[in-house]
Amino acid sequence: MNATTDGKPCARAYLVNAFSLNMFGVVQAGTHQLMFWPLGSDFSQAAENIDEWQKRGFELVNAIGHQETDEIVRSQIPGLPKGERVSVELRSFDRLIVAQYTGPRLPEGATKLPEGARINYWLVWPLHNSEASMPEDDCTLGRNMRERGERYKRASKGDTQCTDVT
């Protein structure tokens, strides 16, 4: 998918530190399906997807509003713009990477993770059709996400031959 119209971005790739249902906004009221794809603490996969989306013309918005979390994420994924506390309202074809911090409260001014803490990365896709599928070329993980989604749908329908959805 090319995310540009006349050379201008028509879709955004957001980097956030939390996911909220408010991101759908009033305009998009209704039923929504989401796909959450765990990347774990492997920030290289998050960086790979951000790079791929930018090549396809997505506007990158670093919406991490927590200063210390932003510093740590930017140390893991070089080249990111400084995070800004902005409201995120998803539009069709927008993408999210959630950088979810888990651990003790970050001390003010922290620039690295404290002992026992981690940042888990998640890809989040709003799905826009009843088939809950993803275009295979939408990102570097699109095909794997599609296959996992199909396994999940079969498992949720009682298909005992296909219960591995992790």
C-alpha atoms as a PDB file:
ATOM      1  CA  MET A   1       0.000   0.000   0.000  1.00  0.00           C
ATOM      2  CA  ASN A   2       1.301   3.411  -0.934  1.00  0.00           C
ATOM      3  CA  ALA A   3       0.299   5.928   1.745  1.00  0.00           C
ATOM      4  CA  THR A   4       0.606   9.054  -0.377  1.00  0.00           C
ATOM      5  CA  THR A   5      -1.669  11.080  -2.596  1.00  0.00           C
ATOM      6  CA  ASP A   6       0.031  13.519  -4.950  1.00  0.00           C
ATOM      7  CA  GLY A   7       3.248  12.979  -2.969  1.00  0.00           C
ATOM      8  CA  LYS A   8       1.652  14.009   0.336  1.00  0.00           C
ATOM      9  CA  PRO A   9       1.096  11.568   3.212  1.00  0.00           C
ATOM     10  CA  CYS A  10      -2.510  10.418   3.510  1.00  0.00           C
ATOM     11  CA  ALA A  11      -1.857   7.954   6.337  1.00  0.00           C
ATOM     12  CA  ARG A  12       0.117   8.167   9.550  1.00  0.00           C
ATOM     13  CA  ALA A  13       2.251   5.733  11.474  1.00  0.00           C
ATOM     14  CA  TYR A  14       1.985   6.575  15.162  1.00  0.00           C
ATOM     15  CA  LEU A  15       4.441   5.573  17.853  1.00  0.00           C
ATOM     16  CA  VAL A  16       2.653   5.699  21.219  1.00  0.00           C
ATOM     17  CA  ASN A  17       3.247   4.461  24.748  1.00  0.00           C
ATOM     18  CA  ALA A  18      -0.379   3.423  25.382  1.00  0.00           C
ATOM     19  CA  PHE A  19      -3.438   2.393  23.399  1.00  0.00           C
ATOM     20  CA  SER A  20      -6.798   4.005  24.117  1.00  0.00           C
ATOM     21  CA  LEU A  21     -10.263   3.430  22.701  1.00  0.00           C
ATOM     22  CA  ASN A  22     -10.493   7.227  22.450  1.00  0.00           C
ATOM     23  CA  MET A  23      -8.170   6.955  19.460  1.00  0.00           C
ATOM     24  CA  PHE A  24     -11.192   6.018  17.341  1.00  0.00           C
ATOM     25  CA  GLY A  25     -12.898   9.360  17.971  1.00  0.00           C
ATOM     26  CA  VAL A  26     -16.558  10.221  17.659  1.00  0.00           C
ATOM     27  CA  VAL A  27     -16.543  10.233  13.855  1.00  0.00           C
ATOM     28  CA  GLN A  28     -15.704   6.543  13.668  1.00  0.00           C
ATOM     29  CA  ALA A  29     -18.330   5.330  16.125  1.00  0.00           C
ATOM     30  CA  GLY A  30     -19.396   1.773  15.477  1.00  0.00           C
ATOM     31  CA  THR A  31     -17.928  -1.700  15.554  1.00  0.00           C
ATOM     32  CA  HIS A  32     -14.165  -1.973  15.214  1.00  0.00           C
ATOM     33  CA  GLN A  33     -11.880  -4.942  14.939  1.00  0.00           C
ATOM     34  CA  LEU A  34      -8.277  -4.636  15.978  1.00  0.00           C
ATOM     35  CA  MET A  35      -5.298  -6.846  15.503  1.00  0.00           C
ATOM     36  CA  PHE A  36      -2.572  -6.697  18.140  1.00  0.00           C
ATOM     37  CA  TRP A  37       0.714  -8.243  17.044  1.00  0.00           C
ATOM     38  CA  PRO A  38       3.256  -8.649  19.873  1.00  0.00           C
ATOM     39  CA  LEU A  39       6.836  -7.874  18.935  1.00  0.00           C
ATOM     40  CA  GLY A  40       8.039  -8.391  22.506  1.00  0.00           C
ATOM     41  CA  SER A  41      11.084  -6.410  23.523  1.00  0.00           C
ATOM     42  CA  ASP A  42      12.655  -6.807  20.061  1.00  0.00           C
ATOM     43  CA  PHE A  43      12.837  -3.149  19.078  1.00  0.00           C
ATOM     44  CA  SER A  44      14.542  -4.062  15.792  1.00  0.00           C
ATOM     45  CA  GLN A  45      11.195  -5.329  14.442  1.00  0.00           C
ATOM     46  CA  ALA A  46       9.516  -2.063  15.475  1.00  0.00           C
ATOM     47  CA  ALA A  47      12.305  -0.116  13.748  1.00  0.00           C
ATOM     48  CA  GLU A  48      11.967  -2.258  10.620  1.00  0.00           C
ATOM     49  CA  ASN A  49       8.236  -1.554  10.373  1.00  0.00           C
ATOM     50  CA  ILE A  50       8.686   2.178  10.983  1.00  0.00           C
ATOM     51  CA  ASP A  51      11.316   2.264   8.230  1.00  0.00           C
ATOM     52  CA  GLU A  52       9.057   0.324   5.838  1.00  0.00           C
ATOM     53  CA  TRP A  53       6.071   2.598   6.509  1.00  0.00           C
ATOM     54  CA  GLN A  54       8.167   5.716   5.923  1.00  0.00           C
ATOM     55  CA  LYS A  55       9.395   4.283   2.604  1.00  0.00           C
ATOM     56  CA  ARG A  56       5.748   3.827   1.627  1.00  0.00           C
ATOM     57  CA  GLY A  57       4.970   7.445   2.421  1.00  0.00           C
ATOM     58  CA  PHE A  58       3.392   7.234   5.879  1.00  0.00           C
ATOM     59  CA  GLU A  59       3.843  10.345   8.004  1.00  0.00           C
ATOM     60  CA  LEU A  60       5.626   9.265  11.207  1.00  0.00           C
ATOM     61  CA  VAL A  61       4.210  10.801  14.392  1.00  0.00           C
ATOM     62  CA  ASN A  62       6.008  10.099  17.663  1.00  0.00           C
ATOM     63  CA  ALA A  63       3.165  10.635  20.119  1.00  0.00           C
ATOM     64  CA  ILE A  64       4.979   9.312  23.199  1.00  0.00           C
ATOM     65  CA  GLY A  65       4.157  11.986  25.745  1.00  0.00           C
ATOM     66  CA  HIS A  66       6.119  10.569  28.684  1.00  0.00           C
ATOM     67  CA  GLN A  67       9.586  12.146  28.451  1.00  0.00           C
ATOM     68  CA  GLU A  68      11.593   9.314  30.033  1.00  0.00           C
ATOM     69  CA  THR A  69       9.837   6.601  28.002  1.00  0.00           C
ATOM     70  CA  ASP A  70      10.439   8.646  24.852  1.00  0.00           C
ATOM     71  CA  GLU A  71      14.159   9.003  25.656  1.00  0.00           C
ATOM     72  CA  ILE A  72      14.525   5.250  26.143  1.00  0.00           C
ATOM     73  CA  VAL A  73      12.577   4.356  22.983  1.00  0.00           C
ATOM     74  CA  ARG A  74      14.602   6.841  20.922  1.00  0.00           C
ATOM     75  CA  SER A  75      17.815   5.299  22.276  1.00  0.00           C
ATOM     76  CA  GLN A  76      16.582   1.891  21.062  1.00  0.00           C
ATOM     77  CA  ILE A  77      15.303   3.154  17.675  1.00  0.00           C
ATOM     78  CA  PRO A  78      17.685   5.853  16.421  1.00  0.00           C
ATOM     79  CA  GLY A  79      16.395   8.531  14.083  1.00  0.00           C
ATOM     80  CA  LEU A  80      12.983   8.949  15.665  1.00  0.00           C
ATOM     81  CA  PRO A  81      11.710  12.485  16.151  1.00  0.00           C
ATOM     82  CA  LYS A  82      11.263  13.705  19.723  1.00  0.00           C
ATOM     83  CA  GLY A  83       7.962  12.572  21.206  1.00  0.00           C
ATOM     84  CA  GLU A  84       5.141  15.045  21.659  1.00  0.00           C
ATOM     85  CA  ARG A  85       2.032  14.727  23.772  1.00  0.00           C
ATOM     86  CA  VAL A  86      -0.648  14.894  21.082  1.00  0.00           C
ATOM     87  CA  SER A  87      -4.141  13.477  20.720  1.00  0.00           C
ATOM     88  CA  VAL A  88      -4.223  10.529  18.348  1.00  0.00           C
ATOM     89  CA  GLU A  89      -7.340  10.015  16.276  1.00  0.00           C
ATOM     90  CA  LEU A  90      -6.976   7.087  13.914  1.00  0.00           C
ATOM     91  CA  ARG A  91      -8.068   7.392  10.322  1.00  0.00           C
ATOM     92  CA  SER A  92      -8.404   4.632   7.754  1.00  0.00           C
ATOM     93  CA  PHE A  93      -5.061   2.994   7.041  1.00  0.00           C
ATOM     94  CA  ASP A  94      -3.230   4.628   9.978  1.00  0.00           C
ATOM     95  CA  ARG A  95      -0.886   2.320  11.903  1.00  0.00           C
ATOM     96  CA  LEU A  96       0.264   2.156  15.516  1.00  0.00           C
ATOM     97  CA  ILE A  97       3.304   0.842  17.276  1.00  0.00           C
ATOM     98  CA  VAL A  98       2.755   0.774  21.023  1.00  0.00           C
ATOM     99  CA  ALA A  99       5.891   0.909  23.179  1.00  0.00           C
ATOM    100  CA  GLN A 100       4.539  -0.465  26.462  1.00  0.00           C
ATOM    101  CA  TYR A 101       6.796   0.096  29.471  1.00  0.00           C
ATOM    102  CA  THR A 102       6.652  -2.544  32.206  1.00  0.00           C
ATOM    103  CA  GLY A 103       8.607  -2.116  35.409  1.00  0.00           C
ATOM    104  CA  PRO A 104       9.126   0.160  38.383  1.00  0.00           C
ATOM    105  CA  ARG A 105       8.273   3.824  38.048  1.00  0.00           C
ATOM    106  CA  LEU A 106      10.877   5.505  35.866  1.00  0.00           C
ATOM    107  CA  PRO A 107      12.886   8.052  37.814  1.00  0.00           C
ATOM    108  CA  GLU A 108      12.792  11.598  36.479  1.00  0.00           C
ATOM    109  CA  GLY A 109      15.461  12.072  33.820  1.00  0.00           C
ATOM    110  CA  ALA A 110      15.959   8.323  33.182  1.00  0.00           C
ATOM    111  CA  THR A 111      17.651   7.550  29.874  1.00  0.00           C
ATOM    112  CA  LYS A 112      17.919   3.773  30.227  1.00  0.00           C
ATOM    113  CA  LEU A 113      15.758   0.983  31.568  1.00  0.00           C
ATOM    114  CA  PRO A 114      16.096   0.169  35.266  1.00  0.00           C
ATOM    115  CA  GLU A 115      16.922  -3.378  36.338  1.00  0.00           C
ATOM    116  CA  GLY A 116      13.996  -5.736  35.618  1.00  0.00           C
ATOM    117  CA  ALA A 117      12.162  -3.253  33.387  1.00  0.00           C
ATOM    118  CA  ARG A 118      11.403  -3.692  29.693  1.00  0.00           C
ATOM    119  CA  ILE A 119       9.575  -2.099  26.818  1.00  0.00           C
ATOM    120  CA  ASN A 120       7.363  -4.454  24.846  1.00  0.00           C
ATOM    121  CA  TYR A 121       6.450  -3.357  21.342  1.00  0.00           C
ATOM    122  CA  TRP A 122       3.084  -4.061  19.714  1.00  0.00           C
ATOM    123  CA  LEU A 123       1.784  -3.450  16.205  1.00  0.00           C
ATOM    124  CA  VAL A 124      -1.865  -2.430  16.279  1.00  0.00           C
ATOM    125  CA  TRP A 125      -4.018  -2.490  13.169  1.00  0.00           C
ATOM    126  CA  PRO A 126      -7.579  -1.234  12.901  1.00  0.00           C
ATOM    127  CA  LEU A 127      -9.232  -3.746  10.574  1.00  0.00           C
ATOM    128  CA  HIS A 128     -11.732  -2.266   8.148  1.00  0.00           C
ATOM    129  CA  ASN A 129     -13.633  -5.255   6.832  1.00  0.00           C
ATOM    130  CA  SER A 130     -15.563  -8.240   8.098  1.00  0.00           C
ATOM    131  CA  GLU A 131     -12.853 -10.688   7.035  1.00  0.00           C
ATOM    132  CA  ALA A 132     -10.370  -9.329   9.585  1.00  0.00           C
ATOM    133  CA  SER A 133      -7.488  -9.794   7.218  1.00  0.00           C
ATOM    134  CA  MET A 134      -4.476  -7.703   6.325  1.00  0.00           C
ATOM    135  CA  PRO A 135      -3.002  -6.947   2.934  1.00  0.00           C
ATOM    136  CA  GLU A 136       0.084  -9.134   2.635  1.00  0.00           C
ATOM    137  CA  ASP A 137       2.252  -6.260   1.493  1.00  0.00           C
ATOM    138  CA  ASP A 138       1.120  -3.819   4.186  1.00  0.00           C
ATOM    139  CA  CYS A 139       4.247  -4.255   6.287  1.00  0.00           C
ATOM    140  CA  THR A 140       7.143  -6.584   6.733  1.00  0.00           C
ATOM    141  CA  LEU A 141       5.067  -8.755   9.064  1.00  0.00           C
ATOM    142  CA  GLY A 142       1.794  -8.608   7.098  1.00  0.00           C
ATOM    143  CA  ARG A 143       1.875 -12.178   5.812  1.00  0.00           C
ATOM    144  CA  ASN A 144       2.672 -13.653   9.236  1.00  0.00           C
ATOM    145  CA  MET A 145      -0.069 -11.540  10.822  1.00  0.00           C
ATOM    146  CA  ARG A 146      -2.563 -12.732   8.214  1.00  0.00           C
ATOM    147  CA  GLU A 147      -1.634 -16.383   8.805  1.00  0.00           C
ATOM    148  CA  ARG A 148      -1.842 -15.990  12.575  1.00  0.00           C
ATOM    149  CA  GLY A 149      -5.217 -14.259  12.234  1.00  0.00           C
ATOM    150  CA  GLU A 150      -6.532 -17.166  10.173  1.00  0.00           C
ATOM    151  CA  ARG A 151      -5.289 -19.675  12.780  1.00  0.00           C
ATOM    152  CA  TYR A 152      -6.958 -17.610  15.510  1.00  0.00           C
ATOM    153  CA  LYS A 153     -10.274 -17.488  13.652  1.00  0.00           C
ATOM    154  CA  ARG A 154     -10.213 -21.279  13.164  1.00  0.00           C
ATOM    155  CA  ALA A 155      -9.261 -21.878  16.813  1.00  0.00           C
ATOM    156  CA  SER A 156     -12.017 -19.569  18.073  1.00  0.00           C
ATOM    157  CA  LYS A 157     -14.536 -21.558  16.001  1.00  0.00           C
ATOM    158  CA  GLY A 158     -13.506 -24.761  17.781  1.00  0.00           C
ATOM    159  CA  ASP A 159     -10.982 -26.078  15.271  1.00  0.00           C
ATOM    160  CA  THR A 160      -8.906 -28.218  17.613  1.00  0.00           C
ATOM    161  CA  GLN A 161      -6.372 -28.912  14.858  1.00  0.00           C
ATOM    162  CA  CYS A 162      -5.284 -25.312  14.918  1.00  0.00           C
ATOM    163  CA  THR A 163      -4.991 -23.919  18.435  1.00  0.00           C
ATOM    164  CA  ASP A 164      -1.497 -22.417  18.255  1.00  0.00           C
ATOM    165  CA  VAL A 165      -2.226 -18.724  17.930  1.00  0.00           C
ATOM    166  CA  THR A 166       0.912 -17.470  19.657  1.00  0.00           C
END
